[in-house]
Amino acid sequence: VAAGLGIVLILAAVVLAVRNPDPEKVSAYECGFNAFDDARMKFDVRFYLVSILFIIFDLEIAFLFPWAVGFKDISDLGFWSMMVFLGVLTIGFAYEWKKGALEWQ
């Protein structure tokens, strides 16, 4: 019944919708700027690097938050395990910084 009702409503919207295409409505528009070129233009690899770094450090927070919430209940092993984890992340961040991956020139 739900699928049938959904199909009927979609078909009714397609059939009864007012179509008024306007060049302004169908033009490409993203983040306040008109499209400069087609979508097949070259893309700087630094955007990918920044997104990967964001994901890595976002996952760090996903691991760090439960550890911080249960901090008073964890053992010494849990504490030192997280210190090793944070140390590895700090070394990785320092390596990225030293290699110039965070520079945008």
PDB file of N, CA and C in Angstrom:
ATOM      1  N   VAL A   1       0.832  -1.182   0.000  1.00  0.00           N
ATOM      2  CA  VAL A   1       0.000   0.000   0.000  1.00  0.00           C
ATOM      3  C   VAL A   1       0.882   1.254   0.000  1.00  0.00           C
ATOM      4  N   ALA A   2       1.929   1.240   0.841  1.00  0.00           N
ATOM      5  CA  ALA A   2       2.803   2.410   0.931  1.00  0.00           C
ATOM      6  C   ALA A   2       3.557   2.633  -0.372  1.00  0.00           C
ATOM      7  N   ALA A   3       4.047   1.547  -0.981  1.00  0.00           N
ATOM      8  CA  ALA A   3       4.771   1.678  -2.250  1.00  0.00           C
ATOM      9  C   ALA A   3       3.847   2.189  -3.345  1.00  0.00           C
ATOM     10  N   GLY A   4       2.630   1.680  -3.388  1.00  0.00           N
ATOM     11  CA  GLY A   4       1.664   2.138  -4.385  1.00  0.00           C
ATOM     12  C   GLY A   4       1.327   3.603  -4.217  1.00  0.00           C
ATOM     13  N   LEU A   5       1.106   4.019  -2.970  1.00  0.00           N
ATOM     14  CA  LEU A   5       0.812   5.420  -2.703  1.00  0.00           C
ATOM     15  C   LEU A   5       1.997   6.304  -3.096  1.00  0.00           C
ATOM     16  N   GLY A   6       3.194   5.840  -2.799  1.00  0.00           N
ATOM     17  CA  GLY A   6       4.388   6.595  -3.178  1.00  0.00           C
ATOM     18  C   GLY A   6       4.507   6.763  -4.677  1.00  0.00           C
ATOM     19  N   ILE A   7       4.263   5.677  -5.420  1.00  0.00           N
ATOM     20  CA  ILE A   7       4.326   5.736  -6.887  1.00  0.00           C
ATOM     21  C   ILE A   7       3.255   6.668  -7.436  1.00  0.00           C
ATOM     22  N   VAL A   8       2.039   6.584  -6.890  1.00  0.00           N
ATOM     23  CA  VAL A   8       0.950   7.454  -7.346  1.00  0.00           C
ATOM     24  C   VAL A   8       1.300   8.918  -7.096  1.00  0.00           C
ATOM     25  N   LEU A   9       1.838   9.237  -5.938  1.00  0.00           N
ATOM     26  CA  LEU A   9       2.180  10.625  -5.630  1.00  0.00           C
ATOM     27  C   LEU A   9       3.306  11.142  -6.524  1.00  0.00           C
ATOM     28  N   ILE A  10       4.297  10.308  -6.791  1.00  0.00           N
ATOM     29  CA  ILE A  10       5.387  10.717  -7.683  1.00  0.00           C
ATOM     30  C   ILE A  10       4.870  10.943  -9.092  1.00  0.00           C
ATOM     31  N   LEU A  11       4.046  10.028  -9.590  1.00  0.00           N
ATOM     32  CA  LEU A  11       3.478  10.198 -10.927  1.00  0.00           C
ATOM     33  C   LEU A  11       2.591  11.437 -11.006  1.00  0.00           C
ATOM     34  N   ALA A  12       1.831  11.706  -9.963  1.00  0.00           N
ATOM     35  CA  ALA A  12       0.985  12.902  -9.951  1.00  0.00           C
ATOM     36  C   ALA A  12       1.843  14.165  -9.992  1.00  0.00           C
ATOM     37  N   ALA A  13       2.943  14.171  -9.276  1.00  0.00           N
ATOM     38  CA  ALA A  13       3.832  15.332  -9.291  1.00  0.00           C
ATOM     39  C   ALA A  13       4.461  15.526 -10.660  1.00  0.00           C
ATOM     40  N   VAL A  14       4.842  14.430 -11.318  1.00  0.00           N
ATOM     41  CA  VAL A  14       5.444  14.526 -12.653  1.00  0.00           C
ATOM     42  C   VAL A  14       4.428  15.029 -13.666  1.00  0.00           C
ATOM     43  N   VAL A  15       3.208  14.532 -13.600  1.00  0.00           N
ATOM     44  CA  VAL A  15       2.182  14.897 -14.581  1.00  0.00           C
ATOM     45  C   VAL A  15       1.657  16.314 -14.344  1.00  0.00           C
ATOM     46  N   LEU A  16       1.443  16.694 -13.100  1.00  0.00           N
ATOM     47  CA  LEU A  16       0.803  17.966 -12.789  1.00  0.00           C
ATOM     48  C   LEU A  16       1.770  19.129 -12.576  1.00  0.00           C
ATOM     49  N   ALA A  17       3.059  18.871 -12.549  1.00  0.00           N
ATOM     50  CA  ALA A  17       4.034  19.927 -12.264  1.00  0.00           C
ATOM     51  C   ALA A  17       4.079  20.949 -13.395  1.00  0.00           C
ATOM     52  N   VAL A  18       4.233  22.209 -13.017  1.00  0.00           N
ATOM     53  CA  VAL A  18       4.359  23.287 -13.994  1.00  0.00           C
ATOM     54  C   VAL A  18       5.823  23.366 -14.408  1.00  0.00           C
ATOM     55  N   ARG A  19       6.052  23.251 -15.707  1.00  0.00           N
ATOM     56  CA  ARG A  19       7.428  23.313 -16.203  1.00  0.00           C
ATOM     57  C   ARG A  19       7.652  24.694 -16.800  1.00  0.00           C
ATOM     58  N   ASN A  20       8.537  25.424 -16.178  1.00  0.00           N
ATOM     59  CA  ASN A  20       8.861  26.764 -16.639  1.00  0.00           C
ATOM     60  C   ASN A  20      10.379  26.906 -16.670  1.00  0.00           C
ATOM     61  N   PRO A  21      11.047  26.266 -17.650  1.00  0.00           N
ATOM     62  CA  PRO A  21      12.511  26.349 -17.670  1.00  0.00           C
ATOM     63  C   PRO A  21      12.972  27.775 -17.958  1.00  0.00           C
ATOM     64  N   ASP A  22      13.959  28.182 -17.239  1.00  0.00           N
ATOM     65  CA  ASP A  22      14.525  29.514 -17.360  1.00  0.00           C
ATOM     66  C   ASP A  22      16.043  29.342 -17.422  1.00  0.00           C
ATOM     67  N   PRO A  23      16.748  30.054 -18.277  1.00  0.00           N
ATOM     68  CA  PRO A  23      18.212  29.882 -18.334  1.00  0.00           C
ATOM     69  C   PRO A  23      18.881  30.108 -16.982  1.00  0.00           C
ATOM     70  N   GLU A  24      18.321  30.980 -16.187  1.00  0.00           N
ATOM     71  CA  GLU A  24      18.894  31.226 -14.865  1.00  0.00           C
ATOM     72  C   GLU A  24      18.707  30.026 -13.943  1.00  0.00           C
ATOM     73  N   LYS A  25      17.574  29.338 -14.073  1.00  0.00           N
ATOM     74  CA  LYS A  25      17.291  28.185 -13.221  1.00  0.00           C
ATOM     75  C   LYS A  25      18.133  26.972 -13.581  1.00  0.00           C
ATOM     76  N   VAL A  26      18.431  26.788 -14.853  1.00  0.00           N
ATOM     77  CA  VAL A  26      19.141  25.581 -15.276  1.00  0.00           C
ATOM     78  C   VAL A  26      20.646  25.794 -15.396  1.00  0.00           C
ATOM     79  N   SER A  27      21.146  26.985 -15.050  1.00  0.00           N
ATOM     80  CA  SER A  27      22.587  27.235 -15.134  1.00  0.00           C
ATOM     81  C   SER A  27      23.294  26.626 -13.923  1.00  0.00           C
ATOM     82  N   ALA A  28      24.560  26.259 -14.137  1.00  0.00           N
ATOM     83  CA  ALA A  28      25.360  25.673 -13.051  1.00  0.00           C
ATOM     84  C   ALA A  28      25.726  26.768 -12.057  1.00  0.00           C
ATOM     85  N   TYR A  29      25.593  26.463 -10.787  1.00  0.00           N
ATOM     86  CA  TYR A  29      25.836  27.441  -9.735  1.00  0.00           C
ATOM     87  C   TYR A  29      26.310  26.683  -8.508  1.00  0.00           C
ATOM     88  N   GLU A  30      27.440  27.092  -7.958  1.00  0.00           N
ATOM     89  CA  GLU A  30      27.989  26.369  -6.821  1.00  0.00           C
ATOM     90  C   GLU A  30      28.631  27.358  -5.859  1.00  0.00           C
ATOM     91  N   CYS A  31      28.201  27.362  -4.648  1.00  0.00           N
ATOM     92  CA  CYS A  31      28.807  28.144  -3.567  1.00  0.00           C
ATOM     93  C   CYS A  31      28.892  29.636  -3.889  1.00  0.00           C
ATOM     94  N   GLY A  32      27.930  30.176  -4.562  1.00  0.00           N
ATOM     95  CA  GLY A  32      27.924  31.594  -4.843  1.00  0.00           C
ATOM     96  C   GLY A  32      28.666  32.004  -6.094  1.00  0.00           C
ATOM     97  N   PHE A  33      29.247  31.061  -6.810  1.00  0.00           N
ATOM     98  CA  PHE A  33      29.999  31.377  -8.021  1.00  0.00           C
ATOM     99  C   PHE A  33      29.417  30.631  -9.206  1.00  0.00           C
ATOM    100  N   ASN A  34      29.420  31.269 -10.361  1.00  0.00           N
ATOM    101  CA  ASN A  34      29.054  30.573 -11.579  1.00  0.00           C
ATOM    102  C   ASN A  34      30.174  29.611 -11.954  1.00  0.00           C
ATOM    103  N   ALA A  35      29.839  28.610 -12.718  1.00  0.00           N
ATOM    104  CA  ALA A  35      30.850  27.648 -13.156  1.00  0.00           C
ATOM    105  C   ALA A  35      31.828  28.351 -14.099  1.00  0.00           C
ATOM    106  N   PHE A  36      33.134  28.170 -13.847  1.00  0.00           N
ATOM    107  CA  PHE A  36      34.152  28.813 -14.667  1.00  0.00           C
ATOM    108  C   PHE A  36      34.452  28.010 -15.927  1.00  0.00           C
ATOM    109  N   ASP A  37      34.412  26.714 -15.824  1.00  0.00           N
ATOM    110  CA  ASP A  37      34.804  25.833 -16.912  1.00  0.00           C
ATOM    111  C   ASP A  37      33.955  24.578 -16.806  1.00  0.00           C
ATOM    112  N   ASP A  38      34.180  23.638 -17.687  1.00  0.00           N
ATOM    113  CA  ASP A  38      33.415  22.397 -17.585  1.00  0.00           C
ATOM    114  C   ASP A  38      33.945  21.545 -16.428  1.00  0.00           C
ATOM    115  N   ALA A  39      33.258  20.493 -16.121  1.00  0.00           N
ATOM    116  CA  ALA A  39      33.592  19.670 -14.962  1.00  0.00           C
ATOM    117  C   ALA A  39      34.835  18.822 -15.173  1.00  0.00           C
ATOM    118  N   ARG A  40      35.366  18.764 -16.373  1.00  0.00           N
ATOM    119  CA  ARG A  40      36.540  17.946 -16.662  1.00  0.00           C
ATOM    120  C   ARG A  40      37.850  18.714 -16.529  1.00  0.00           C
ATOM    121  N   MET A  41      37.829  19.840 -15.843  1.00  0.00           N
ATOM    122  CA  MET A  41      39.061  20.605 -15.695  1.00  0.00           C
ATOM    123  C   MET A  41      39.990  19.926 -14.688  1.00  0.00           C
ATOM    124  N   LYS A  42      41.265  20.299 -14.743  1.00  0.00           N
ATOM    125  CA  LYS A  42      42.239  19.711 -13.823  1.00  0.00           C
ATOM    126  C   LYS A  42      41.929  20.157 -12.402  1.00  0.00           C
ATOM    127  N   PHE A  43      42.194  19.255 -11.482  1.00  0.00           N
ATOM    128  CA  PHE A  43      41.881  19.499 -10.082  1.00  0.00           C
ATOM    129  C   PHE A  43      43.165  19.355  -9.285  1.00  0.00           C
ATOM    130  N   ASP A  44      43.479  20.327  -8.461  1.00  0.00           N
ATOM    131  CA  ASP A  44      44.720  20.300  -7.702  1.00  0.00           C
ATOM    132  C   ASP A  44      44.696  19.173  -6.678  1.00  0.00           C
ATOM    133  N   VAL A  45      45.770  18.406  -6.631  1.00  0.00           N
ATOM    134  CA  VAL A  45      45.833  17.242  -5.745  1.00  0.00           C
ATOM    135  C   VAL A  45      45.863  17.656  -4.275  1.00  0.00           C
ATOM    136  N   ARG A  46      46.196  18.900  -3.988  1.00  0.00           N
ATOM    137  CA  ARG A  46      46.234  19.345  -2.590  1.00  0.00           C
ATOM    138  C   ARG A  46      44.854  19.320  -1.944  1.00  0.00           C
ATOM    139  N   PHE A  47      43.806  19.471  -2.752  1.00  0.00           N
ATOM    140  CA  PHE A  47      42.456  19.357  -2.199  1.00  0.00           C
ATOM    141  C   PHE A  47      42.225  17.950  -1.648  1.00  0.00           C
ATOM    142  N   TYR A  48      42.695  16.943  -2.381  1.00  0.00           N
ATOM    143  CA  TYR A  48      42.563  15.564  -1.918  1.00  0.00           C
ATOM    144  C   TYR A  48      43.387  15.342  -0.654  1.00  0.00           C
ATOM    145  N   LEU A  49      44.591  15.909  -0.617  1.00  0.00           N
ATOM    146  CA  LEU A  49      45.455  15.749   0.547  1.00  0.00           C
ATOM    147  C   LEU A  49      44.812  16.358   1.785  1.00  0.00           C
ATOM    148  N   VAL A  50      44.260  17.538   1.637  1.00  0.00           N
ATOM    149  CA  VAL A  50      43.598  18.187   2.774  1.00  0.00           C
ATOM    150  C   VAL A  50      42.398  17.372   3.232  1.00  0.00           C
ATOM    151  N   SER A  51      41.641  16.811   2.298  1.00  0.00           N
ATOM    152  CA  SER A  51      40.478  16.013   2.692  1.00  0.00           C
ATOM    153  C   SER A  51      40.901  14.728   3.398  1.00  0.00           C
ATOM    154  N   ILE A  52      41.967  14.089   2.933  1.00  0.00           N
ATOM    155  CA  ILE A  52      42.463  12.880   3.604  1.00  0.00           C
ATOM    156  C   ILE A  52      42.966  13.215   5.003  1.00  0.00           C
ATOM    157  N   LEU A  53      43.702  14.319   5.145  1.00  0.00           N
ATOM    158  CA  LEU A  53      44.169  14.723   6.473  1.00  0.00           C
ATOM    159  C   LEU A  53      42.992  15.028   7.396  1.00  0.00           C
ATOM    160  N   PHE A  54      41.958  15.661   6.870  1.00  0.00           N
ATOM    161  CA  PHE A  54      40.775  15.935   7.682  1.00  0.00           C
ATOM    162  C   PHE A  54      40.140  14.638   8.168  1.00  0.00           C
ATOM    163  N   ILE A  55      40.018  13.667   7.279  1.00  0.00           N
ATOM    164  CA  ILE A  55      39.410  12.387   7.658  1.00  0.00           C
ATOM    165  C   ILE A  55      40.238  11.699   8.729  1.00  0.00           C
ATOM    166  N   ILE A  56      41.562  11.708   8.569  1.00  0.00           N
ATOM    167  CA  ILE A  56      42.431  11.057   9.555  1.00  0.00           C
ATOM    168  C   ILE A  56      42.265  11.704  10.924  1.00  0.00           C
ATOM    169  N   PHE A  57      42.322  13.029  10.983  1.00  0.00           N
ATOM    170  CA  PHE A  57      42.231  13.689  12.280  1.00  0.00           C
ATOM    171  C   PHE A  57      40.801  13.707  12.814  1.00  0.00           C
ATOM    172  N   ASP A  58      39.822  13.564  11.955  1.00  0.00           N
ATOM    173  CA  ASP A  58      38.445  13.402  12.407  1.00  0.00           C
ATOM    174  C   ASP A  58      38.268  12.035  13.065  1.00  0.00           C
ATOM    175  N   LEU A  59      38.877  11.022  12.485  1.00  0.00           N
ATOM    176  CA  LEU A  59      38.829   9.691  13.102  1.00  0.00           C
ATOM    177  C   LEU A  59      39.569   9.675  14.432  1.00  0.00           C
ATOM    178  N   GLU A  60      40.607  10.492  14.548  1.00  0.00           N
ATOM    179  CA  GLU A  60      41.311  10.592  15.823  1.00  0.00           C
ATOM    180  C   GLU A  60      40.342  11.033  16.910  1.00  0.00           C
ATOM    181  N   ILE A  61      39.510  11.998  16.620  1.00  0.00           N
ATOM    182  CA  ILE A  61      38.526  12.464  17.600  1.00  0.00           C
ATOM    183  C   ILE A  61      37.521  11.360  17.912  1.00  0.00           C
ATOM    184  N   ALA A  62      37.169  10.567  16.904  1.00  0.00           N
ATOM    185  CA  ALA A  62      36.220   9.470  17.127  1.00  0.00           C
ATOM    186  C   ALA A  62      36.793   8.442  18.097  1.00  0.00           C
ATOM    187  N   PHE A  63      38.106   8.248  18.073  1.00  0.00           N
ATOM    188  CA  PHE A  63      38.734   7.336  19.030  1.00  0.00           C
ATOM    189  C   PHE A  63      39.005   8.020  20.365  1.00  0.00           C
ATOM    190  N   LEU A  64      39.295   9.306  20.329  1.00  0.00           N
ATOM    191  CA  LEU A  64      39.672  10.024  21.542  1.00  0.00           C
ATOM    192  C   LEU A  64      38.471  10.313  22.447  1.00  0.00           C
ATOM    193  N   PHE A  65      37.317  10.582  21.878  1.00  0.00           N
ATOM    194  CA  PHE A  65      36.157  10.961  22.684  1.00  0.00           C
ATOM    195  C   PHE A  65      35.711   9.859  23.654  1.00  0.00           C
ATOM    196  N   PRO A  66      35.520   8.602  23.209  1.00  0.00           N
ATOM    197  CA  PRO A  66      35.120   7.571  24.178  1.00  0.00           C
ATOM    198  C   PRO A  66      36.181   7.339  25.253  1.00  0.00           C
ATOM    199  N   TRP A  67      37.440   7.480  24.859  1.00  0.00           N
ATOM    200  CA  TRP A  67      38.529   7.319  25.828  1.00  0.00           C
ATOM    201  C   TRP A  67      38.443   8.417  26.885  1.00  0.00           C
ATOM    202  N   ALA A  68      38.166   9.664  26.462  1.00  0.00           N
ATOM    203  CA  ALA A  68      38.083  10.775  27.401  1.00  0.00           C
ATOM    204  C   ALA A  68      36.864  10.647  28.312  1.00  0.00           C
ATOM    205  N   VAL A  69      35.757  10.128  27.778  1.00  0.00           N
ATOM    206  CA  VAL A  69      34.547   9.969  28.589  1.00  0.00           C
ATOM    207  C   VAL A  69      34.775   8.939  29.690  1.00  0.00           C
ATOM    208  N   GLY A  70      35.452   7.856  29.358  1.00  0.00           N
ATOM    209  CA  GLY A  70      35.704   6.813  30.341  1.00  0.00           C
ATOM    210  C   GLY A  70      37.071   6.902  30.987  1.00  0.00           C
ATOM    211  N   PHE A  71      37.673   8.093  30.999  1.00  0.00           N
ATOM    212  CA  PHE A  71      39.047   8.250  31.465  1.00  0.00           C
ATOM    213  C   PHE A  71      39.247   7.794  32.905  1.00  0.00           C
ATOM    214  N   LYS A  72      38.299   8.097  33.779  1.00  0.00           N
ATOM    215  CA  LYS A  72      38.501   7.748  35.191  1.00  0.00           C
ATOM    216  C   LYS A  72      38.364   6.246  35.450  1.00  0.00           C
ATOM    217  N   ASP A  73      37.781   5.503  34.499  1.00  0.00           N
ATOM    218  CA  ASP A  73      37.574   4.071  34.694  1.00  0.00           C
ATOM    219  C   ASP A  73      38.594   3.194  33.975  1.00  0.00           C
ATOM    220  N   ILE A  74      39.507   3.785  33.214  1.00  0.00           N
ATOM    221  CA  ILE A  74      40.450   2.964  32.447  1.00  0.00           C
ATOM    222  C   ILE A  74      41.676   2.639  33.285  1.00  0.00           C
ATOM    223  N   SER A  75      42.370   1.610  32.876  1.00  0.00           N
ATOM    224  CA  SER A  75      43.574   1.192  33.592  1.00  0.00           C
ATOM    225  C   SER A  75      44.789   1.923  33.019  1.00  0.00           C
ATOM    226  N   ASP A  76      45.945   1.603  33.579  1.00  0.00           N
ATOM    227  CA  ASP A  76      47.191   2.171  33.059  1.00  0.00           C
ATOM    228  C   ASP A  76      47.436   1.734  31.621  1.00  0.00           C
ATOM    229  N   LEU A  77      47.056   0.508  31.293  1.00  0.00           N
ATOM    230  CA  LEU A  77      47.226   0.019  29.926  1.00  0.00           C
ATOM    231  C   LEU A  77      46.398   0.852  28.943  1.00  0.00           C
ATOM    232  N   GLY A  78      45.174   1.188  29.311  1.00  0.00           N
ATOM    233  CA  GLY A  78      44.335   2.027  28.455  1.00  0.00           C
ATOM    234  C   GLY A  78      44.912   3.422  28.284  1.00  0.00           C
ATOM    235  N   PHE A  79      45.455   3.960  29.366  1.00  0.00           N
ATOM    236  CA  PHE A  79      46.072   5.285  29.295  1.00  0.00           C
ATOM    237  C   PHE A  79      47.275   5.279  28.370  1.00  0.00           C
ATOM    238  N   TRP A  80      48.174   4.324  28.573  1.00  0.00           N
ATOM    239  CA  TRP A  80      49.398   4.297  27.764  1.00  0.00           C
ATOM    240  C   TRP A  80      49.123   3.884  26.320  1.00  0.00           C
ATOM    241  N   SER A  81      48.106   3.093  26.111  1.00  0.00           N
ATOM    242  CA  SER A  81      47.728   2.767  24.729  1.00  0.00           C
ATOM    243  C   SER A  81      47.302   4.027  23.981  1.00  0.00           C
ATOM    244  N   MET A  82      46.519   4.865  24.641  1.00  0.00           N
ATOM    245  CA  MET A  82      46.095   6.105  23.992  1.00  0.00           C
ATOM    246  C   MET A  82      47.260   7.072  23.836  1.00  0.00           C
ATOM    247  N   MET A  83      48.191   7.078  24.762  1.00  0.00           N
ATOM    248  CA  MET A  83      49.362   7.941  24.613  1.00  0.00           C
ATOM    249  C   MET A  83      50.202   7.517  23.407  1.00  0.00           C
ATOM    250  N   VAL A  84      50.332   6.213  23.190  1.00  0.00           N
ATOM    251  CA  VAL A  84      51.053   5.724  22.005  1.00  0.00           C
ATOM    252  C   VAL A  84      50.299   6.141  20.747  1.00  0.00           C
ATOM    253  N   PHE A  85      48.986   5.993  20.749  1.00  0.00           N
ATOM    254  CA  PHE A  85      48.158   6.390  19.609  1.00  0.00           C
ATOM    255  C   PHE A  85      48.323   7.877  19.310  1.00  0.00           C
ATOM    256  N   LEU A  86      48.242   8.712  20.338  1.00  0.00           N
ATOM    257  CA  LEU A  86      48.408  10.147  20.140  1.00  0.00           C
ATOM    258  C   LEU A  86      49.827  10.492  19.712  1.00  0.00           C
ATOM    259  N   GLY A  87      50.803   9.745  20.209  1.00  0.00           N
ATOM    260  CA  GLY A  87      52.188   9.961  19.788  1.00  0.00           C
ATOM    261  C   GLY A  87      52.382   9.668  18.310  1.00  0.00           C
ATOM    262  N   VAL A  88      51.807   8.566  17.847  1.00  0.00           N
ATOM    263  CA  VAL A  88      51.906   8.226  16.422  1.00  0.00           C
ATOM    264  C   VAL A  88      51.232   9.304  15.575  1.00  0.00           C
ATOM    265  N   LEU A  89      50.078   9.781  16.002  1.00  0.00           N
ATOM    266  CA  LEU A  89      49.402  10.851  15.261  1.00  0.00           C
ATOM    267  C   LEU A  89      50.208  12.145  15.278  1.00  0.00           C
ATOM    268  N   THR A  90      50.832  12.457  16.394  1.00  0.00           N
ATOM    269  CA  THR A  90      51.653  13.662  16.477  1.00  0.00           C
ATOM    270  C   THR A  90      52.863  13.560  15.568  1.00  0.00           C
ATOM    271  N   ILE A  91      53.498  12.396  15.540  1.00  0.00           N
ATOM    272  CA  ILE A  91      54.637  12.189  14.644  1.00  0.00           C
ATOM    273  C   ILE A  91      54.193  12.302  13.189  1.00  0.00           C
ATOM    274  N   GLY A  92      53.047  11.731  12.871  1.00  0.00           N
ATOM    275  CA  GLY A  92      52.522  11.841  11.512  1.00  0.00           C
ATOM    276  C   GLY A  92      52.215  13.278  11.130  1.00  0.00           C
ATOM    277  N   PHE A  93      51.641  14.041  12.050  1.00  0.00           N
ATOM    278  CA  PHE A  93      51.348  15.446  11.784  1.00  0.00           C
ATOM    279  C   PHE A  93      52.630  16.242  11.585  1.00  0.00           C
ATOM    280  N   ALA A  94      53.630  15.988  12.425  1.00  0.00           N
ATOM    281  CA  ALA A  94      54.914  16.678  12.277  1.00  0.00           C
ATOM    282  C   ALA A  94      55.570  16.331  10.943  1.00  0.00           C
ATOM    283  N   TYR A  95      55.456  15.074  10.519  1.00  0.00           N
ATOM    284  CA  TYR A  95      56.010  14.650   9.236  1.00  0.00           C
ATOM    285  C   TYR A  95      55.314  15.374   8.083  1.00  0.00           C
ATOM    286  N   GLU A  96      53.984  15.451   8.139  1.00  0.00           N
ATOM    287  CA  GLU A  96      53.230  16.167   7.104  1.00  0.00           C
ATOM    288  C   GLU A  96      53.646  17.635   7.052  1.00  0.00           C
ATOM    289  N   TRP A  97      53.808  18.219   8.209  1.00  0.00           N
ATOM    290  CA  TRP A  97      54.183  19.622   8.279  1.00  0.00           C
ATOM    291  C   TRP A  97      55.579  19.838   7.705  1.00  0.00           C
ATOM    292  N   LYS A  98      56.528  18.961   8.094  1.00  0.00           N
ATOM    293  CA  LYS A  98      57.912  19.083   7.629  1.00  0.00           C
ATOM    294  C   LYS A  98      58.011  18.879   6.121  1.00  0.00           C
ATOM    295  N   LYS A  99      57.212  17.984   5.568  1.00  0.00           N
ATOM    296  CA  LYS A  99      57.228  17.729   4.124  1.00  0.00           C
ATOM    297  C   LYS A  99      56.561  18.854   3.331  1.00  0.00           C
ATOM    298  N   GLY A 100      55.880  19.764   4.013  1.00  0.00           N
ATOM    299  CA  GLY A 100      55.229  20.876   3.331  1.00  0.00           C
ATOM    300  C   GLY A 100      53.863  20.538   2.782  1.00  0.00           C
ATOM    301  N   ALA A 101      53.278  19.465   3.257  1.00  0.00           N
ATOM    302  CA  ALA A 101      51.964  19.059   2.751  1.00  0.00           C
ATOM    303  C   ALA A 101      50.876  20.042   3.157  1.00  0.00           C
ATOM    304  N   LEU A 102      51.114  20.806   4.205  1.00  0.00           N
ATOM    305  CA  LEU A 102      50.112  21.755   4.670  1.00  0.00           C
ATOM    306  C   LEU A 102      50.328  23.152   4.105  1.00  0.00           C
ATOM    307  N   GLU A 103      51.384  23.338   3.322  1.00  0.00           N
ATOM    308  CA  GLU A 103      51.655  24.626   2.677  1.00  0.00           C
ATOM    309  C   GLU A 103      50.801  24.747   1.426  1.00  0.00           C
ATOM    310  N   TRP A 104      50.277  25.922   1.191  1.00  0.00           N
ATOM    311  CA  TRP A 104      49.451  26.144   0.004  1.00  0.00           C
ATOM    312  C   TRP A 104      50.051  27.320  -0.765  1.00  0.00           C
ATOM    313  N   GLN A 105      50.877  26.985  -1.749  1.00  0.00           N
ATOM    314  CA  GLN A 105      51.570  28.048  -2.504  1.00  0.00           C
ATOM    315  C   GLN A 105      51.126  28.072  -3.927  1.00  0.00           C
TER     316      GLN A 105
END
